[in-house]
Amino acid sequence: MTSLLSDYFTDKVNTDGLLLKLRKFQENGHSSMIKETQLRLLHAMSLGGNSFDFERCRGGVLICETLKEHNRYSELEQHLTAIETLRQQYQKEKEKAFDSMKEGVYSKVKMAAEQMARQGRNKNVSVDLEQSVAASVQSSQQWREFILKHEKDYGKRYNDCLAKTQALI
């Protein structure tokens, strides 16, 4: 099982290959491997992960479902779509808050950089404003508080969605 999923995640096996291997397990009386694979794929998903990894897991979970005699493909697909929507909302809200905080800090960082340039002996010194602003926001107490609340709120919603999806499997 572990080597099969390892091969799947490293693109040595695609969804068709996963389907064929799981079908062989099923034919050999190991139908429980289908559910086990689905659960492992479901738990490999993450709230902040990238879309490619999510889609890989989603595709694997759904292809496994096709092997079941009494499958709930449509319901499962709806739940996985809800999880993806939640993941997108999480990311968009996080980016929006970060951009908003960057706007608030930009003028302060720009003034500080200009002051450094006026006081500096070496006029060739340059300051990367964008990186300085981003670093300033990331190290701020306001950002840390936002992230803590954001992770907590979305983490709970995400775990609730996962639990409902797991119940379908």
N, C-alpha and C. Protein backbone atom coordinates (compact mmCIF):
# COMPACT_ATOMS: atom_id res chain seq x y z
N MET A 1 0.83 -1.20 0.00
CA MET A 1 0.00 0.00 0.00
C MET A 1 0.87 1.25 0.00
N THR A 2 1.84 1.30 0.90
CA THR A 2 2.71 2.48 0.99
C THR A 2 3.49 2.69 -0.30
N SER A 3 4.01 1.61 -0.86
CA SER A 3 4.78 1.76 -2.09
C SER A 3 3.88 2.16 -3.26
N LEU A 4 2.65 1.67 -3.27
CA LEU A 4 1.70 2.04 -4.33
C LEU A 4 1.41 3.54 -4.26
N LEU A 5 1.13 4.05 -3.08
CA LEU A 5 0.85 5.47 -2.93
C LEU A 5 2.10 6.32 -3.19
N SER A 6 3.23 5.80 -2.81
CA SER A 6 4.49 6.49 -3.08
C SER A 6 4.68 6.63 -4.59
N ASP A 7 4.43 5.55 -5.31
CA ASP A 7 4.53 5.58 -6.77
C ASP A 7 3.50 6.55 -7.37
N TYR A 8 2.33 6.58 -6.77
CA TYR A 8 1.27 7.47 -7.27
C TYR A 8 1.66 8.94 -7.07
N PHE A 9 2.20 9.26 -5.90
CA PHE A 9 2.56 10.65 -5.61
C PHE A 9 3.80 11.12 -6.36
N THR A 10 4.63 10.18 -6.79
CA THR A 10 5.83 10.55 -7.53
C THR A 10 5.64 10.38 -9.03
N ASP A 11 4.41 10.22 -9.45
CA ASP A 11 4.04 10.11 -10.87
C ASP A 11 4.59 8.87 -11.57
N LYS A 12 4.99 7.86 -10.80
CA LYS A 12 5.40 6.60 -11.42
C LYS A 12 4.16 5.80 -11.83
N VAL A 13 3.04 6.11 -11.15
CA VAL A 13 1.75 5.48 -11.43
C VAL A 13 0.72 6.60 -11.55
N ASN A 14 -0.05 6.58 -12.63
CA ASN A 14 -1.13 7.58 -12.77
C ASN A 14 -2.43 6.99 -12.22
N THR A 15 -3.54 7.71 -12.39
CA THR A 15 -4.82 7.23 -11.84
C THR A 15 -5.23 5.91 -12.48
N ASP A 16 -4.94 5.73 -13.77
CA ASP A 16 -5.28 4.46 -14.42
C ASP A 16 -4.47 3.31 -13.82
N GLY A 17 -3.20 3.57 -13.57
CA GLY A 17 -2.34 2.56 -12.95
C GLY A 17 -2.80 2.23 -11.54
N LEU A 18 -3.20 3.25 -10.81
CA LEU A 18 -3.72 3.05 -9.45
C LEU A 18 -4.98 2.19 -9.52
N LEU A 19 -5.85 2.50 -10.45
CA LEU A 19 -7.08 1.74 -10.63
C LEU A 19 -6.78 0.27 -10.93
N LEU A 20 -5.85 0.01 -11.83
CA LEU A 20 -5.51 -1.38 -12.19
C LEU A 20 -4.94 -2.15 -11.00
N LYS A 21 -4.04 -1.51 -10.26
CA LYS A 21 -3.44 -2.19 -9.11
C LYS A 21 -4.46 -2.47 -8.02
N LEU A 22 -5.35 -1.51 -7.78
CA LEU A 22 -6.38 -1.72 -6.76
C LEU A 22 -7.41 -2.76 -7.22
N ARG A 23 -7.68 -2.81 -8.50
CA ARG A 23 -8.58 -3.83 -9.03
C ARG A 23 -7.99 -5.22 -8.78
N LYS A 24 -6.68 -5.37 -8.94
CA LYS A 24 -6.01 -6.65 -8.66
C LYS A 24 -6.14 -7.02 -7.19
N PHE A 25 -5.95 -6.02 -6.31
CA PHE A 25 -6.13 -6.28 -4.87
C PHE A 25 -7.55 -6.76 -4.61
N GLN A 26 -8.51 -6.11 -5.25
CA GLN A 26 -9.92 -6.46 -5.08
C GLN A 26 -10.19 -7.88 -5.57
N GLU A 27 -9.64 -8.23 -6.71
CA GLU A 27 -9.82 -9.57 -7.27
C GLU A 27 -9.20 -10.64 -6.38
N ASN A 28 -8.16 -10.26 -5.64
CA ASN A 28 -7.50 -11.21 -4.73
C ASN A 28 -8.10 -11.18 -3.33
N GLY A 29 -9.28 -10.57 -3.20
CA GLY A 29 -9.99 -10.60 -1.92
C GLY A 29 -9.56 -9.53 -0.94
N HIS A 30 -8.87 -8.50 -1.42
CA HIS A 30 -8.40 -7.44 -0.53
C HIS A 30 -9.14 -6.13 -0.83
N SER A 31 -10.46 -6.19 -0.80
CA SER A 31 -11.28 -5.01 -1.09
C SER A 31 -11.07 -3.89 -0.08
N SER A 32 -10.63 -4.24 1.10
CA SER A 32 -10.40 -3.22 2.13
C SER A 32 -9.29 -2.24 1.72
N MET A 33 -8.46 -2.66 0.78
CA MET A 33 -7.38 -1.79 0.31
C MET A 33 -7.94 -0.55 -0.40
N ILE A 34 -9.11 -0.67 -0.98
CA ILE A 34 -9.72 0.46 -1.68
C ILE A 34 -10.04 1.56 -0.67
N LYS A 35 -10.72 1.20 0.39
CA LYS A 35 -11.08 2.17 1.42
C LYS A 35 -9.82 2.73 2.08
N GLU A 36 -8.88 1.87 2.38
CA GLU A 36 -7.62 2.31 3.00
C GLU A 36 -6.89 3.32 2.11
N THR A 37 -6.87 3.06 0.83
CA THR A 37 -6.23 3.98 -0.12
C THR A 37 -6.96 5.32 -0.13
N GLN A 38 -8.28 5.27 -0.16
CA GLN A 38 -9.07 6.50 -0.16
C GLN A 38 -8.80 7.32 1.10
N LEU A 39 -8.77 6.66 2.23
CA LEU A 39 -8.54 7.38 3.49
C LEU A 39 -7.15 8.01 3.53
N ARG A 40 -6.17 7.28 3.05
CA ARG A 40 -4.81 7.84 3.02
C ARG A 40 -4.72 9.03 2.07
N LEU A 41 -5.36 8.92 0.94
CA LEU A 41 -5.37 10.03 0.00
C LEU A 41 -6.11 11.24 0.57
N LEU A 42 -7.22 10.99 1.23
CA LEU A 42 -8.00 12.06 1.84
C LEU A 42 -7.17 12.79 2.89
N HIS A 43 -6.44 12.03 3.69
CA HIS A 43 -5.63 12.64 4.75
C HIS A 43 -4.32 13.24 4.25
N ALA A 44 -3.98 12.96 3.00
CA ALA A 44 -2.80 13.60 2.40
C ALA A 44 -3.14 15.00 1.90
N MET A 45 -4.42 15.31 1.80
CA MET A 45 -4.84 16.65 1.40
C MET A 45 -4.58 17.60 2.56
N SER A 46 -4.34 18.86 2.21
CA SER A 46 -4.15 19.85 3.27
C SER A 46 -4.79 21.17 2.89
N LEU A 47 -5.11 21.92 3.89
CA LEU A 47 -5.77 23.21 3.70
C LEU A 47 -4.89 24.17 2.92
N GLY A 48 -3.63 24.21 3.24
CA GLY A 48 -2.74 25.17 2.60
C GLY A 48 -1.89 24.59 1.48
N GLY A 49 -2.14 23.35 1.12
CA GLY A 49 -1.34 22.70 0.08
C GLY A 49 -1.61 23.27 -1.30
N ASN A 50 -0.82 22.84 -2.25
CA ASN A 50 -1.01 23.37 -3.61
C ASN A 50 -2.12 22.61 -4.34
N SER A 51 -2.63 23.23 -5.37
CA SER A 51 -3.76 22.67 -6.12
C SER A 51 -3.41 21.38 -6.84
N PHE A 52 -2.19 21.27 -7.33
CA PHE A 52 -1.77 20.05 -8.03
C PHE A 52 -1.86 18.84 -7.10
N ASP A 53 -1.32 18.97 -5.89
CA ASP A 53 -1.37 17.86 -4.94
C ASP A 53 -2.81 17.53 -4.54
N PHE A 54 -3.62 18.57 -4.36
CA PHE A 54 -5.01 18.34 -4.01
C PHE A 54 -5.72 17.57 -5.12
N GLU A 55 -5.54 18.02 -6.36
CA GLU A 55 -6.19 17.36 -7.49
C GLU A 55 -5.72 15.92 -7.65
N ARG A 56 -4.47 15.68 -7.35
CA ARG A 56 -3.92 14.32 -7.42
C ARG A 56 -4.65 13.43 -6.41
N CYS A 57 -4.78 13.92 -5.19
CA CYS A 57 -5.48 13.15 -4.15
C CYS A 57 -6.96 12.99 -4.50
N ARG A 58 -7.57 14.06 -4.95
CA ARG A 58 -8.99 14.04 -5.32
C ARG A 58 -9.24 12.99 -6.41
N GLY A 59 -8.40 13.02 -7.44
CA GLY A 59 -8.54 12.06 -8.53
C GLY A 59 -8.39 10.62 -8.04
N GLY A 60 -7.45 10.41 -7.13
CA GLY A 60 -7.23 9.07 -6.58
C GLY A 60 -8.42 8.58 -5.76
N VAL A 61 -8.95 9.47 -4.93
CA VAL A 61 -10.11 9.11 -4.10
C VAL A 61 -11.29 8.74 -4.99
N LEU A 62 -11.52 9.53 -6.02
CA LEU A 62 -12.67 9.27 -6.91
C LEU A 62 -12.47 8.02 -7.76
N ILE A 63 -11.26 7.78 -8.23
CA ILE A 63 -11.02 6.58 -9.05
C ILE A 63 -11.22 5.33 -8.19
N CYS A 64 -10.84 5.40 -6.93
CA CYS A 64 -11.05 4.27 -6.01
C CYS A 64 -12.55 3.99 -5.84
N GLU A 65 -13.31 5.06 -5.78
CA GLU A 65 -14.75 4.91 -5.56
C GLU A 65 -15.41 4.13 -6.69
N THR A 66 -14.87 4.24 -7.89
CA THR A 66 -15.46 3.54 -9.04
C THR A 66 -15.35 2.02 -8.90
N LEU A 67 -14.46 1.55 -8.04
CA LEU A 67 -14.29 0.11 -7.85
C LEU A 67 -15.32 -0.50 -6.90
N LYS A 68 -16.00 0.34 -6.17
CA LYS A 68 -16.96 -0.16 -5.18
C LYS A 68 -18.27 -0.54 -5.86
N GLU A 69 -18.84 -1.63 -5.37
CA GLU A 69 -20.10 -2.10 -5.93
C GLU A 69 -21.22 -1.08 -5.72
N HIS A 70 -21.30 -0.55 -4.52
CA HIS A 70 -22.30 0.46 -4.18
C HIS A 70 -21.56 1.76 -3.91
N ASN A 71 -21.18 2.42 -4.99
CA ASN A 71 -20.37 3.61 -4.78
C ASN A 71 -21.22 4.86 -4.62
N ARG A 72 -20.61 5.86 -4.02
CA ARG A 72 -21.26 7.14 -3.76
C ARG A 72 -20.46 8.24 -4.45
N TYR A 73 -20.13 7.98 -5.69
CA TYR A 73 -19.25 8.85 -6.46
C TYR A 73 -19.73 10.30 -6.48
N SER A 74 -20.99 10.51 -6.81
CA SER A 74 -21.53 11.87 -6.92
C SER A 74 -21.45 12.63 -5.60
N GLU A 75 -21.85 11.97 -4.53
CA GLU A 75 -21.79 12.60 -3.21
C GLU A 75 -20.35 12.91 -2.82
N LEU A 76 -19.48 11.96 -3.06
CA LEU A 76 -18.07 12.13 -2.73
C LEU A 76 -17.47 13.28 -3.53
N GLU A 77 -17.83 13.35 -4.80
CA GLU A 77 -17.34 14.43 -5.66
C GLU A 77 -17.81 15.79 -5.14
N GLN A 78 -19.05 15.86 -4.70
CA GLN A 78 -19.58 17.12 -4.15
C GLN A 78 -18.81 17.53 -2.89
N HIS A 79 -18.53 16.58 -2.04
CA HIS A 79 -17.79 16.88 -0.80
C HIS A 79 -16.37 17.34 -1.11
N LEU A 80 -15.73 16.69 -2.07
CA LEU A 80 -14.38 17.09 -2.45
C LEU A 80 -14.36 18.47 -3.09
N THR A 81 -15.40 18.79 -3.83
CA THR A 81 -15.52 20.13 -4.42
C THR A 81 -15.70 21.17 -3.31
N ALA A 82 -16.47 20.83 -2.29
CA ALA A 82 -16.65 21.74 -1.15
C ALA A 82 -15.32 21.96 -0.43
N ILE A 83 -14.53 20.92 -0.30
CA ILE A 83 -13.21 21.05 0.33
C ILE A 83 -12.33 21.97 -0.50
N GLU A 84 -12.34 21.80 -1.81
CA GLU A 84 -11.53 22.65 -2.69
C GLU A 84 -11.98 24.11 -2.61
N THR A 85 -13.28 24.33 -2.56
CA THR A 85 -13.81 25.70 -2.43
C THR A 85 -13.34 26.32 -1.11
N LEU A 86 -13.38 25.56 -0.05
CA LEU A 86 -12.92 26.04 1.25
C LEU A 86 -11.42 26.36 1.20
N ARG A 87 -10.64 25.51 0.55
CA ARG A 87 -9.21 25.76 0.42
C ARG A 87 -8.94 27.05 -0.34
N GLN A 88 -9.71 27.29 -1.39
CA GLN A 88 -9.55 28.51 -2.18
C GLN A 88 -9.93 29.75 -1.37
N GLN A 89 -11.02 29.65 -0.61
CA GLN A 89 -11.44 30.77 0.25
C GLN A 89 -10.36 31.07 1.28
N TYR A 90 -9.82 30.03 1.86
CA TYR A 90 -8.75 30.17 2.86
C TYR A 90 -7.58 30.94 2.28
N GLN A 91 -7.15 30.54 1.09
CA GLN A 91 -5.99 31.17 0.46
C GLN A 91 -6.28 32.61 0.05
N LYS A 92 -7.45 32.84 -0.54
CA LYS A 92 -7.81 34.20 -0.98
C LYS A 92 -7.91 35.16 0.19
N GLU A 93 -8.54 34.72 1.27
CA GLU A 93 -8.67 35.57 2.45
C GLU A 93 -7.31 35.88 3.05
N LYS A 94 -6.45 34.90 3.07
CA LYS A 94 -5.09 35.09 3.60
C LYS A 94 -4.32 36.09 2.73
N GLU A 95 -4.40 35.94 1.42
CA GLU A 95 -3.71 36.85 0.50
C GLU A 95 -4.27 38.27 0.60
N LYS A 96 -5.59 38.37 0.71
CA LYS A 96 -6.23 39.69 0.81
C LYS A 96 -5.77 40.40 2.09
N ALA A 97 -5.74 39.70 3.19
CA ALA A 97 -5.29 40.30 4.45
C ALA A 97 -3.83 40.72 4.36
N PHE A 98 -3.00 39.87 3.74
CA PHE A 98 -1.59 40.18 3.61
C PHE A 98 -1.40 41.43 2.75
N ASP A 99 -2.10 41.50 1.63
CA ASP A 99 -2.00 42.66 0.75
C ASP A 99 -2.47 43.93 1.44
N SER A 100 -3.53 43.81 2.20
CA SER A 100 -4.06 44.96 2.94
C SER A 100 -3.04 45.45 3.97
N MET A 101 -2.41 44.54 4.66
CA MET A 101 -1.40 44.92 5.66
C MET A 101 -0.17 45.50 4.97
N LYS A 102 0.17 44.98 3.81
CA LYS A 102 1.31 45.52 3.06
C LYS A 102 1.05 46.98 2.67
N GLU A 103 -0.16 47.28 2.26
CA GLU A 103 -0.51 48.66 1.90
C GLU A 103 -0.33 49.60 3.09
N GLY A 104 -0.72 49.11 4.26
CA GLY A 104 -0.60 49.92 5.47
C GLY A 104 0.84 50.17 5.88
N VAL A 105 1.74 49.28 5.53
CA VAL A 105 3.13 49.37 5.95
C VAL A 105 4.01 50.03 4.89
N TYR A 106 3.58 50.03 3.65
CA TYR A 106 4.40 50.47 2.53
C TYR A 106 4.97 51.87 2.73
N SER A 107 4.12 52.83 3.07
CA SER A 107 4.60 54.22 3.19
C SER A 107 5.63 54.36 4.30
N LYS A 108 5.45 53.64 5.40
CA LYS A 108 6.42 53.69 6.51
C LYS A 108 7.78 53.13 6.08
N VAL A 109 7.75 52.01 5.38
CA VAL A 109 9.00 51.39 4.93
C VAL A 109 9.67 52.27 3.88
N LYS A 110 8.89 52.86 3.01
CA LYS A 110 9.45 53.74 1.98
C LYS A 110 10.12 54.95 2.62
N MET A 111 9.48 55.55 3.59
CA MET A 111 10.07 56.70 4.28
C MET A 111 11.36 56.32 4.98
N ALA A 112 11.36 55.16 5.63
CA ALA A 112 12.57 54.69 6.32
C ALA A 112 13.70 54.44 5.32
N ALA A 113 13.39 53.89 4.18
CA ALA A 113 14.39 53.62 3.15
C ALA A 113 14.96 54.93 2.59
N GLU A 114 14.08 55.90 2.37
CA GLU A 114 14.54 57.19 1.87
C GLU A 114 15.44 57.89 2.89
N GLN A 115 15.06 57.77 4.15
CA GLN A 115 15.88 58.37 5.21
C GLN A 115 17.25 57.69 5.28
N MET A 116 17.27 56.38 5.14
CA MET A 116 18.55 55.65 5.14
C MET A 116 19.41 56.10 3.96
N ALA A 117 18.79 56.29 2.83
CA ALA A 117 19.53 56.70 1.63
C ALA A 117 20.12 58.10 1.81
N ARG A 118 19.35 59.00 2.45
CA ARG A 118 19.84 60.36 2.69
C ARG A 118 20.99 60.36 3.67
N GLN A 119 20.92 59.51 4.68
CA GLN A 119 21.95 59.48 5.72
C GLN A 119 23.16 58.65 5.34
N GLY A 120 22.97 57.75 4.39
CA GLY A 120 24.06 56.83 4.03
C GLY A 120 25.17 57.53 3.28
N ARG A 121 26.37 57.08 3.53
CA ARG A 121 27.53 57.62 2.81
C ARG A 121 27.60 57.04 1.40
N ASN A 122 27.19 55.79 1.29
CA ASN A 122 27.25 55.12 -0.01
C ASN A 122 25.91 55.29 -0.72
N LYS A 123 25.88 56.11 -1.72
CA LYS A 123 24.64 56.40 -2.44
C LYS A 123 24.19 55.25 -3.34
N ASN A 124 25.04 54.24 -3.49
CA ASN A 124 24.69 53.10 -4.34
C ASN A 124 23.90 52.03 -3.60
N VAL A 125 23.62 52.26 -2.34
CA VAL A 125 22.86 51.30 -1.54
C VAL A 125 21.40 51.36 -1.99
N SER A 126 20.82 50.20 -2.26
CA SER A 126 19.41 50.17 -2.64
C SER A 126 18.64 49.28 -1.67
N VAL A 127 17.38 49.58 -1.53
CA VAL A 127 16.52 48.81 -0.64
C VAL A 127 15.42 48.19 -1.49
N ASP A 128 15.22 46.92 -1.33
CA ASP A 128 14.14 46.23 -2.03
C ASP A 128 12.86 46.48 -1.23
N LEU A 129 12.11 47.48 -1.66
CA LEU A 129 10.90 47.88 -0.92
C LEU A 129 9.90 46.74 -0.79
N GLU A 130 9.67 46.03 -1.87
CA GLU A 130 8.67 44.95 -1.85
C GLU A 130 9.04 43.88 -0.81
N GLN A 131 10.28 43.47 -0.82
CA GLN A 131 10.73 42.45 0.15
C GLN A 131 10.72 43.00 1.57
N SER A 132 11.10 44.25 1.72
CA SER A 132 11.11 44.87 3.05
C SER A 132 9.70 44.99 3.62
N VAL A 133 8.77 45.38 2.76
CA VAL A 133 7.37 45.49 3.19
C VAL A 133 6.83 44.12 3.58
N ALA A 134 7.08 43.12 2.74
CA ALA A 134 6.60 41.76 3.03
C ALA A 134 7.19 41.24 4.34
N ALA A 135 8.48 41.46 4.54
CA ALA A 135 9.13 41.00 5.77
C ALA A 135 8.57 41.73 6.98
N SER A 136 8.30 43.01 6.81
CA SER A 136 7.74 43.79 7.91
C SER A 136 6.36 43.26 8.31
N VAL A 137 5.53 42.96 7.31
CA VAL A 137 4.19 42.43 7.60
C VAL A 137 4.30 41.06 8.26
N GLN A 138 5.15 40.18 7.71
CA GLN A 138 5.28 38.82 8.25
C GLN A 138 5.77 38.80 9.68
N SER A 139 6.53 39.80 10.07
CA SER A 139 7.05 39.81 11.44
C SER A 139 6.17 40.62 12.39
N SER A 140 5.08 41.18 11.89
CA SER A 140 4.22 42.01 12.73
C SER A 140 3.31 41.17 13.63
N GLN A 141 3.00 41.74 14.76
CA GLN A 141 2.07 41.12 15.71
C GLN A 141 0.69 40.98 15.09
N GLN A 142 0.28 41.97 14.31
CA GLN A 142 -1.03 41.95 13.66
C GLN A 142 -1.15 40.74 12.72
N TRP A 143 -0.10 40.45 11.95
CA TRP A 143 -0.10 39.31 11.03
C TRP A 143 -0.15 38.00 11.81
N ARG A 144 0.66 37.91 12.85
CA ARG A 144 0.67 36.68 13.66
C ARG A 144 -0.71 36.41 14.26
N GLU A 145 -1.36 37.46 14.73
CA GLU A 145 -2.70 37.30 15.30
C GLU A 145 -3.71 36.89 14.23
N PHE A 146 -3.60 37.51 13.06
CA PHE A 146 -4.49 37.15 11.97
C PHE A 146 -4.31 35.68 11.61
N ILE A 147 -3.07 35.26 11.41
CA ILE A 147 -2.78 33.88 11.00
C ILE A 147 -3.30 32.90 12.05
N LEU A 148 -3.10 33.19 13.30
CA LEU A 148 -3.58 32.31 14.37
C LEU A 148 -5.09 32.12 14.29
N LYS A 149 -5.81 33.22 14.15
CA LYS A 149 -7.28 33.16 14.07
C LYS A 149 -7.71 32.49 12.76
N HIS A 150 -7.07 32.87 11.68
CA HIS A 150 -7.41 32.34 10.36
C HIS A 150 -7.21 30.82 10.31
N GLU A 151 -6.08 30.36 10.80
CA GLU A 151 -5.78 28.92 10.83
C GLU A 151 -6.79 28.18 11.71
N LYS A 152 -7.12 28.77 12.84
CA LYS A 152 -8.06 28.13 13.75
C LYS A 152 -9.45 28.01 13.12
N ASP A 153 -9.94 29.12 12.56
CA ASP A 153 -11.28 29.13 11.96
C ASP A 153 -11.37 28.17 10.78
N TYR A 154 -10.45 28.32 9.85
CA TYR A 154 -10.49 27.48 8.65
C TYR A 154 -10.10 26.04 8.96
N GLY A 155 -9.22 25.85 9.91
CA GLY A 155 -8.83 24.50 10.30
C GLY A 155 -10.02 23.69 10.81
N LYS A 156 -10.85 24.34 11.61
CA LYS A 156 -12.04 23.67 12.13
C LYS A 156 -13.00 23.33 10.99
N ARG A 157 -13.24 24.29 10.12
CA ARG A 157 -14.15 24.06 8.99
C ARG A 157 -13.60 22.96 8.07
N TYR A 158 -12.31 22.99 7.84
CA TYR A 158 -11.67 21.99 6.99
C TYR A 158 -11.79 20.60 7.61
N ASN A 159 -11.52 20.50 8.90
CA ASN A 159 -11.62 19.20 9.58
C ASN A 159 -13.05 18.68 9.57
N ASP A 160 -14.03 19.58 9.69
CA ASP A 160 -15.44 19.18 9.61
C ASP A 160 -15.76 18.61 8.22
N CYS A 161 -15.27 19.28 7.18
CA CYS A 161 -15.48 18.81 5.81
C CYS A 161 -14.81 17.45 5.59
N LEU A 162 -13.60 17.30 6.10
CA LEU A 162 -12.89 16.02 5.97
C LEU A 162 -13.66 14.90 6.66
N ALA A 163 -14.16 15.19 7.86
CA ALA A 163 -14.90 14.17 8.62
C ALA A 163 -16.16 13.72 7.86
N LYS A 164 -16.87 14.67 7.26
CA LYS A 164 -18.08 14.35 6.51
C LYS A 164 -17.72 13.54 5.26
N THR A 165 -16.62 13.90 4.64
CA THR A 165 -16.18 13.18 3.44
C THR A 165 -15.73 11.78 3.82
N GLN A 166 -15.00 11.66 4.91
CA GLN A 166 -14.53 10.36 5.38
C GLN A 166 -15.72 9.45 5.69
N ALA A 167 -16.78 10.01 6.22
CA ALA A 167 -17.96 9.21 6.54
C ALA A 167 -18.58 8.58 5.28
N LEU A 168 -18.40 9.23 4.15
CA LEU A 168 -18.92 8.69 2.89
C LEU A 168 -18.11 7.49 2.40
N ILE A 169 -16.85 7.48 2.76
CA ILE A 169 -15.95 6.42 2.29
C ILE A 169 -16.23 5.16 3.08
